PDB file of all heavy atoms in Angstrom:
ATOM      1  N   ALA A   1      -8.147  -3.041   3.822  1.00  0.00           N
ATOM      2  CA  ALA A   1      -6.830  -3.650   3.547  1.00  0.00           C
ATOM      3  C   ALA A   1      -6.378  -3.252   2.154  1.00  0.00           C
ATOM      4  O   ALA A   1      -7.184  -2.873   1.313  1.00  0.00           O
ATOM      5  CB  ALA A   1      -6.908  -5.178   3.665  1.00  0.00           C
ATOM      6  N   VAL A   2      -5.065  -3.362   1.940  1.00  0.00           N
ATOM      7  CA  VAL A   2      -4.475  -3.133   0.614  1.00  0.00           C
ATOM      8  C   VAL A   2      -3.808  -4.439   0.190  1.00  0.00           C
ATOM      9  O   VAL A   2      -3.093  -5.055   0.991  1.00  0.00           O
ATOM     10  CB  VAL A   2      -3.430  -1.987   0.640  1.00  0.00           C
ATOM     11  CG1 VAL A   2      -2.769  -1.841  -0.722  1.00  0.00           C
ATOM     12  CG2 VAL A   2      -4.069  -0.683   1.063  1.00  0.00           C
ATOM     13  N   VAL A   3      -4.038  -4.828  -1.047  1.00  0.00           N
ATOM     14  CA  VAL A   3      -3.366  -5.984  -1.626  1.00  0.00           C
ATOM     15  C   VAL A   3      -2.390  -5.448  -2.659  1.00  0.00           C
ATOM     16  O   VAL A   3      -2.793  -4.773  -3.603  1.00  0.00           O
ATOM     17  CB  VAL A   3      -4.364  -6.959  -2.279  1.00  0.00           C
ATOM     18  CG1 VAL A   3      -3.625  -8.125  -2.928  1.00  0.00           C
ATOM     19  CG2 VAL A   3      -5.389  -7.445  -1.271  1.00  0.00           C
ATOM     20  N   VAL A   4      -1.098  -5.727  -2.478  1.00  0.00           N
ATOM     21  CA  VAL A   4      -0.073  -5.285  -3.416  1.00  0.00           C
ATOM     22  C   VAL A   4       0.312  -6.475  -4.287  1.00  0.00           C
ATOM     23  O   VAL A   4       0.772  -7.499  -3.770  1.00  0.00           O
ATOM     24  CB  VAL A   4       1.157  -4.699  -2.690  1.00  0.00           C
ATOM     25  CG1 VAL A   4       2.250  -4.320  -3.659  1.00  0.00           C
ATOM     26  CG2 VAL A   4       0.747  -3.496  -1.849  1.00  0.00           C
ATOM     27  N   THR A   5       0.138  -6.330  -5.590  1.00  0.00           N
ATOM     28  CA  THR A   5       0.395  -7.450  -6.496  1.00  0.00           C
ATOM     29  C   THR A   5       1.872  -7.643  -6.777  1.00  0.00           C
ATOM     30  O   THR A   5       2.327  -8.761  -6.956  1.00  0.00           O
ATOM     31  CB  THR A   5      -0.343  -7.270  -7.834  1.00  0.00           C
ATOM     32  OG1 THR A   5       0.106  -6.056  -8.465  1.00  0.00           O
ATOM     33  CG2 THR A   5      -1.844  -7.238  -7.627  1.00  0.00           C
ATOM     34  N   HIS A   6       2.617  -6.543  -6.857  1.00  0.00           N
ATOM     35  CA  HIS A   6       4.067  -6.641  -7.047  1.00  0.00           C
ATOM     36  C   HIS A   6       4.708  -5.314  -6.654  1.00  0.00           C
ATOM     37  O   HIS A   6       4.020  -4.331  -6.412  1.00  0.00           O
ATOM     38  CB  HIS A   6       4.440  -7.067  -8.475  1.00  0.00           C
ATOM     39  CG  HIS A   6       4.000  -6.121  -9.541  1.00  0.00           C
ATOM     40  ND1 HIS A   6       2.703  -6.049  -9.999  1.00  0.00           N
ATOM     41  CD2 HIS A   6       4.697  -5.218 -10.260  1.00  0.00           C
ATOM     42  CE1 HIS A   6       2.622  -5.134 -10.946  1.00  0.00           C
ATOM     43  NE2 HIS A   6       3.823  -4.613 -11.131  1.00  0.00           N
ATOM     44  N   ALA A   7       6.035  -5.290  -6.571  1.00  0.00           N
ATOM     45  CA  ALA A   7       6.743  -4.212  -5.909  1.00  0.00           C
ATOM     46  C   ALA A   7       7.174  -3.068  -6.813  1.00  0.00           C
ATOM     47  O   ALA A   7       8.002  -2.264  -6.412  1.00  0.00           O
ATOM     48  CB  ALA A   7       7.977  -4.778  -5.190  1.00  0.00           C
ATOM     49  N   HIS A   8       6.619  -2.926  -8.001  1.00  0.00           N
ATOM     50  CA  HIS A   8       6.941  -1.740  -8.796  1.00  0.00           C
ATOM     51  C   HIS A   8       6.375  -0.502  -8.116  1.00  0.00           C
ATOM     52  O   HIS A   8       5.298  -0.552  -7.506  1.00  0.00           O
ATOM     53  CB  HIS A   8       6.359  -1.854 -10.208  1.00  0.00           C
ATOM     54  CG  HIS A   8       7.046  -2.845 -11.063  1.00  0.00           C
ATOM     55  ND1 HIS A   8       6.501  -3.297 -12.251  1.00  0.00           N
ATOM     56  CD2 HIS A   8       8.228  -3.490 -10.932  1.00  0.00           C
ATOM     57  CE1 HIS A   8       7.322  -4.173 -12.802  1.00  0.00           C
ATOM     58  NE2 HIS A   8       8.369  -4.304 -12.021  1.00  0.00           N
ATOM     59  N   LEU A   9       7.069   0.629  -8.229  1.00  0.00           N
ATOM     60  CA  LEU A   9       6.648   1.866  -7.577  1.00  0.00           C
ATOM     61  C   LEU A   9       5.258   2.299  -8.012  1.00  0.00           C
ATOM     62  O   LEU A   9       4.501   2.856  -7.213  1.00  0.00           O
ATOM     63  CB  LEU A   9       7.672   2.974  -7.857  1.00  0.00           C
ATOM     64  CG  LEU A   9       7.589   4.202  -6.982  1.00  0.00           C
ATOM     65  CD1 LEU A   9       7.803   3.867  -5.524  1.00  0.00           C
ATOM     66  CD2 LEU A   9       8.581   5.254  -7.433  1.00  0.00           C
ATOM     67  N   ASP A  10       4.893   2.029  -9.255  1.00  0.00           N
ATOM     68  CA  ASP A  10       3.561   2.421  -9.718  1.00  0.00           C
ATOM     69  C   ASP A  10       2.476   1.455  -9.224  1.00  0.00           C
ATOM     70  O   ASP A  10       1.305   1.608  -9.582  1.00  0.00           O
ATOM     71  CB  ASP A  10       3.533   2.564 -11.245  1.00  0.00           C
ATOM     72  CG  ASP A  10       3.778   1.266 -11.987  1.00  0.00           C
ATOM     73  OD1 ASP A  10       4.554   0.430 -11.488  1.00  0.00           O
ATOM     74  OD2 ASP A  10       3.189   1.096 -13.055  1.00  0.00           O
ATOM     75  N   HIS A  11       2.862   0.517  -8.349  1.00  0.00           N
ATOM     76  CA  HIS A  11       1.890  -0.382  -7.712  1.00  0.00           C
ATOM     77  C   HIS A  11       1.950  -0.325  -6.182  1.00  0.00           C
ATOM     78  O   HIS A  11       1.016  -0.781  -5.520  1.00  0.00           O
ATOM     79  CB  HIS A  11       2.115  -1.825  -8.170  1.00  0.00           C
ATOM     80  CG  HIS A  11       1.684  -2.048  -9.573  1.00  0.00           C
ATOM     81  ND1 HIS A  11       0.485  -2.636  -9.910  1.00  0.00           N
ATOM     82  CD2 HIS A  11       2.277  -1.708 -10.757  1.00  0.00           C
ATOM     83  CE1 HIS A  11       0.366  -2.670 -11.225  1.00  0.00           C
ATOM     84  NE2 HIS A  11       1.446  -2.117 -11.754  1.00  0.00           N
ATOM     85  N   CYS A  12       3.029   0.247  -5.605  1.00  0.00           N
ATOM     86  CA  CYS A  12       3.133   0.307  -4.142  1.00  0.00           C
ATOM     87  C   CYS A  12       3.573   1.682  -3.623  1.00  0.00           C
ATOM     88  O   CYS A  12       3.537   1.937  -2.420  1.00  0.00           O
ATOM     89  CB  CYS A  12       4.087  -0.762  -3.619  1.00  0.00           C
ATOM     90  SG  CYS A  12       5.834  -0.476  -4.014  1.00  0.00           S
ATOM     91  N   GLY A  13       3.961   2.594  -4.489  1.00  0.00           N
ATOM     92  CA  GLY A  13       4.568   3.852  -4.066  1.00  0.00           C
ATOM     93  C   GLY A  13       3.665   4.847  -3.371  1.00  0.00           C
ATOM     94  O   GLY A  13       4.138   5.760  -2.704  1.00  0.00           O
ATOM     95  N   TYR A  14       2.338   4.697  -3.485  1.00  0.00           N
ATOM     96  CA  TYR A  14       1.405   5.616  -2.839  1.00  0.00           C
ATOM     97  C   TYR A  14       1.085   5.184  -1.402  1.00  0.00           C
ATOM     98  O   TYR A  14       0.407   5.894  -0.664  1.00  0.00           O
ATOM     99  CB  TYR A  14       0.112   5.695  -3.672  1.00  0.00           C
ATOM    100  CG  TYR A  14      -0.809   6.843  -3.337  1.00  0.00           C
ATOM    101  CD1 TYR A  14      -0.611   8.113  -3.861  1.00  0.00           C
ATOM    102  CD2 TYR A  14      -1.924   6.651  -2.519  1.00  0.00           C
ATOM    103  CE1 TYR A  14      -1.479   9.154  -3.581  1.00  0.00           C
ATOM    104  CE2 TYR A  14      -2.801   7.679  -2.230  1.00  0.00           C
ATOM    105  CZ  TYR A  14      -2.569   8.933  -2.767  1.00  0.00           C
ATOM    106  OH  TYR A  14      -3.438   9.972  -2.481  1.00  0.00           O
ATOM    107  N   LEU A  15       1.612   4.033  -0.968  1.00  0.00           N
ATOM    108  CA  LEU A  15       1.315   3.538   0.381  1.00  0.00           C
ATOM    109  C   LEU A  15       1.615   4.556   1.482  1.00  0.00           C
ATOM    110  O   LEU A  15       0.779   4.743   2.382  1.00  0.00           O
ATOM    111  CB  LEU A  15       2.042   2.218   0.645  1.00  0.00           C
ATOM    112  CG  LEU A  15       1.489   1.003  -0.076  1.00  0.00           C
ATOM    113  CD1 LEU A  15       2.452  -0.168   0.021  1.00  0.00           C
ATOM    114  CD2 LEU A  15       0.118   0.629   0.477  1.00  0.00           C
ATOM    115  N   PRO A  16       2.773   5.238   1.468  1.00  0.00           N
ATOM    116  CA  PRO A  16       3.006   6.239   2.534  1.00  0.00           C
ATOM    117  C   PRO A  16       1.955   7.350   2.544  1.00  0.00           C
ATOM    118  O   PRO A  16       1.529   7.792   3.621  1.00  0.00           O
ATOM    119  CB  PRO A  16       4.402   6.793   2.208  1.00  0.00           C
ATOM    120  CG  PRO A  16       5.069   5.694   1.445  1.00  0.00           C
ATOM    121  CD  PRO A  16       3.965   5.058   0.628  1.00  0.00           C
ATOM    122  N   ARG A  17       1.525   7.808   1.380  1.00  0.00           N
ATOM    123  CA  ARG A  17       0.478   8.836   1.310  1.00  0.00           C
ATOM    124  C   ARG A  17      -0.844   8.302   1.849  1.00  0.00           C
ATOM    125  O   ARG A  17      -1.577   8.998   2.544  1.00  0.00           O
ATOM    126  CB  ARG A  17       0.275   9.320  -0.129  1.00  0.00           C
ATOM    127  CG  ARG A  17       1.416  10.072  -0.704  1.00  0.00           C
ATOM    128  CD  ARG A  17       1.394  11.564  -0.459  1.00  0.00           C
ATOM    129  NE  ARG A  17       0.165  12.173  -0.936  1.00  0.00           N
ATOM    130  CZ  ARG A  17      -0.382  13.238  -0.366  1.00  0.00           C
ATOM    131  NH1 ARG A  17       0.172  13.805   0.669  1.00  0.00           N
ATOM    132  NH2 ARG A  17      -1.492  13.748  -0.842  1.00  0.00           N
ATOM    133  N   LEU A  18      -1.161   7.050   1.529  1.00  0.00           N
ATOM    134  CA  LEU A  18      -2.394   6.434   2.009  1.00  0.00           C
ATOM    135  C   LEU A  18      -2.402   6.391   3.540  1.00  0.00           C
ATOM    136  O   LEU A  18      -3.409   6.714   4.177  1.00  0.00           O
ATOM    137  CB  LEU A  18      -2.549   5.035   1.416  1.00  0.00           C
ATOM    138  CG  LEU A  18      -3.898   4.363   1.677  1.00  0.00           C
ATOM    139  CD1 LEU A  18      -5.010   5.067   0.909  1.00  0.00           C
ATOM    140  CD2 LEU A  18      -3.824   2.898   1.279  1.00  0.00           C
ATOM    141  N   VAL A  19      -1.288   6.011   4.124  1.00  0.00           N
ATOM    142  CA  VAL A  19      -1.166   5.977   5.585  1.00  0.00           C
ATOM    143  C   VAL A  19      -1.311   7.384   6.153  1.00  0.00           C
ATOM    144  O   VAL A  19      -2.016   7.601   7.139  1.00  0.00           O
ATOM    145  CB  VAL A  19       0.161   5.316   6.006  1.00  0.00           C
ATOM    146  CG1 VAL A  19       0.431   5.502   7.492  1.00  0.00           C
ATOM    147  CG2 VAL A  19       0.137   3.824   5.655  1.00  0.00           C
ATOM    148  N   ARG A  20      -0.678   8.348   5.512  1.00  0.00           N
ATOM    149  CA  ARG A  20      -0.795   9.734   5.977  1.00  0.00           C
ATOM    150  C   ARG A  20      -2.241  10.227   5.928  1.00  0.00           C
ATOM    151  O   ARG A  20      -2.641  11.057   6.733  1.00  0.00           O
ATOM    152  CB  ARG A  20       0.105  10.637   5.144  1.00  0.00           C
ATOM    153  CG  ARG A  20       0.191  12.019   5.700  1.00  0.00           C
ATOM    154  CD  ARG A  20       1.274  12.806   5.068  1.00  0.00           C
ATOM    155  NE  ARG A  20       1.494  14.000   5.860  1.00  0.00           N
ATOM    156  CZ  ARG A  20       2.451  14.833   5.653  1.00  0.00           C
ATOM    157  NH1 ARG A  20       3.315  14.633   4.684  1.00  0.00           N
ATOM    158  NH2 ARG A  20       2.587  15.895   6.403  1.00  0.00           N
ATOM    159  N   GLN A  21      -3.025   9.697   5.004  1.00  0.00           N
ATOM    160  CA  GLN A  21      -4.429  10.089   4.874  1.00  0.00           C
ATOM    161  C   GLN A  21      -5.340   9.312   5.830  1.00  0.00           C
ATOM    162  O   GLN A  21      -6.538   9.553   5.861  1.00  0.00           O
ATOM    163  CB  GLN A  21      -4.909   9.876   3.437  1.00  0.00           C
ATOM    164  CG  GLN A  21      -4.262  10.805   2.436  1.00  0.00           C
ATOM    165  CD  GLN A  21      -4.654  10.474   1.010  1.00  0.00           C
ATOM    166  OE1 GLN A  21      -5.770  10.062   0.722  1.00  0.00           O
ATOM    167  NE2 GLN A  21      -3.718  10.657   0.098  1.00  0.00           N
ATOM    168  N   GLY A  22      -4.783   8.378   6.616  1.00  0.00           N
ATOM    169  CA  GLY A  22      -5.580   7.703   7.637  1.00  0.00           C
ATOM    170  C   GLY A  22      -5.749   6.210   7.518  1.00  0.00           C
ATOM    171  O   GLY A  22      -6.407   5.593   8.354  1.00  0.00           O
ATOM    172  N   PHE A  23      -5.161   5.590   6.513  1.00  0.00           N
ATOM    173  CA  PHE A  23      -5.253   4.125   6.386  1.00  0.00           C
ATOM    174  C   PHE A  23      -4.501   3.460   7.529  1.00  0.00           C
ATOM    175  O   PHE A  23      -3.368   3.825   7.832  1.00  0.00           O
ATOM    176  CB  PHE A  23      -4.670   3.673   5.046  1.00  0.00           C
ATOM    177  CG  PHE A  23      -4.559   2.172   4.926  1.00  0.00           C
ATOM    178  CD1 PHE A  23      -5.688   1.393   4.746  1.00  0.00           C
ATOM    179  CD2 PHE A  23      -3.331   1.548   5.002  1.00  0.00           C
ATOM    180  CE1 PHE A  23      -5.602   0.008   4.653  1.00  0.00           C
ATOM    181  CE2 PHE A  23      -3.216   0.174   4.902  1.00  0.00           C
ATOM    182  CZ  PHE A  23      -4.359  -0.602   4.727  1.00  0.00           C
ATOM    183  N   ARG A  24      -5.133   2.468   8.180  1.00  0.00           N
ATOM    184  CA  ARG A  24      -4.491   1.756   9.290  1.00  0.00           C
ATOM    185  C   ARG A  24      -4.635   0.244   9.181  1.00  0.00           C
ATOM    186  O   ARG A  24      -4.303  -0.481  10.108  1.00  0.00           O
ATOM    187  CB  ARG A  24      -5.081   2.209  10.624  1.00  0.00           C
ATOM    188  CG  ARG A  24      -4.856   3.678  10.939  1.00  0.00           C
ATOM    189  CD  ARG A  24      -3.373   3.974  11.130  1.00  0.00           C
ATOM    190  NE  ARG A  24      -3.116   5.351  11.440  1.00  0.00           N
ATOM    191  CZ  ARG A  24      -2.800   6.302  10.569  1.00  0.00           C
ATOM    192  NH1 ARG A  24      -2.722   6.009   9.280  1.00  0.00           N
ATOM    193  NH2 ARG A  24      -2.547   7.538  10.943  1.00  0.00           N
ATOM    194  N   GLY A  25      -5.087  -0.252   8.033  1.00  0.00           N
ATOM    195  CA  GLY A  25      -5.309  -1.692   7.868  1.00  0.00           C
ATOM    196  C   GLY A  25      -4.055  -2.423   7.444  1.00  0.00           C
ATOM    197  O   GLY A  25      -2.976  -1.838   7.293  1.00  0.00           O
ATOM    198  N   PRO A  26      -4.184  -3.713   7.241  1.00  0.00           N
ATOM    199  CA  PRO A  26      -3.035  -4.516   6.803  1.00  0.00           C
ATOM    200  C   PRO A  26      -2.724  -4.288   5.322  1.00  0.00           C
ATOM    201  O   PRO A  26      -3.590  -3.931   4.536  1.00  0.00           O
ATOM    202  CB  PRO A  26      -3.498  -5.954   7.045  1.00  0.00           C
ATOM    203  CG  PRO A  26      -4.982  -5.889   6.933  1.00  0.00           C
ATOM    204  CD  PRO A  26      -5.377  -4.525   7.464  1.00  0.00           C
ATOM    205  N   ILE A  27      -1.460  -4.498   4.987  1.00  0.00           N
ATOM    206  CA  ILE A  27      -1.008  -4.480   3.595  1.00  0.00           C
ATOM    207  C   ILE A  27      -0.641  -5.921   3.285  1.00  0.00           C
ATOM    208  O   ILE A  27       0.264  -6.484   3.911  1.00  0.00           O
ATOM    209  CB  ILE A  27       0.183  -3.527   3.401  1.00  0.00           C
ATOM    210  CG1 ILE A  27      -0.240  -2.100   3.763  1.00  0.00           C
ATOM    211  CG2 ILE A  27       0.706  -3.609   1.975  1.00  0.00           C
ATOM    212  CD1 ILE A  27       0.899  -1.123   3.901  1.00  0.00           C
ATOM    213  N   LEU A  28      -1.358  -6.508   2.350  1.00  0.00           N
ATOM    214  CA  LEU A  28      -1.185  -7.924   2.036  1.00  0.00           C
ATOM    215  C   LEU A  28      -0.369  -8.086   0.751  1.00  0.00           C
ATOM    216  O   LEU A  28      -0.664  -7.457  -0.257  1.00  0.00           O
ATOM    217  CB  LEU A  28      -2.558  -8.577   1.870  1.00  0.00           C
ATOM    218  CG  LEU A  28      -3.544  -8.334   3.035  1.00  0.00           C
ATOM    219  CD1 LEU A  28      -4.932  -8.803   2.652  1.00  0.00           C
ATOM    220  CD2 LEU A  28      -3.055  -9.007   4.283  1.00  0.00           C
ATOM    221  N   ALA A  29       0.651  -8.913   0.840  1.00  0.00           N
ATOM    222  CA  ALA A  29       1.519  -9.191  -0.302  1.00  0.00           C
ATOM    223  C   ALA A  29       2.274 -10.465  -0.008  1.00  0.00           C
ATOM    224  O   ALA A  29       2.381 -10.895   1.145  1.00  0.00           O
ATOM    225  CB  ALA A  29       2.499  -8.039  -0.511  1.00  0.00           C
ATOM    226  N   SER A  30       2.852 -11.050  -1.039  1.00  0.00           N
ATOM    227  CA  SER A  30       3.720 -12.211  -0.797  1.00  0.00           C
ATOM    228  C   SER A  30       4.960 -11.726  -0.035  1.00  0.00           C
ATOM    229  O   SER A  30       5.275 -10.524  -0.031  1.00  0.00           O
ATOM    230  CB  SER A  30       4.133 -12.862  -2.118  1.00  0.00           C
ATOM    231  OG  SER A  30       5.050 -12.022  -2.797  1.00  0.00           O
TER     232      SER A  30
END
């Protein structure tokens, strides 16, 4: 799983690349 602390690009912007590399778990955030 990925826990996103806040929505700045330097904290969430790599998510599409992570998915492209094979991540399939939940993304947890408020």
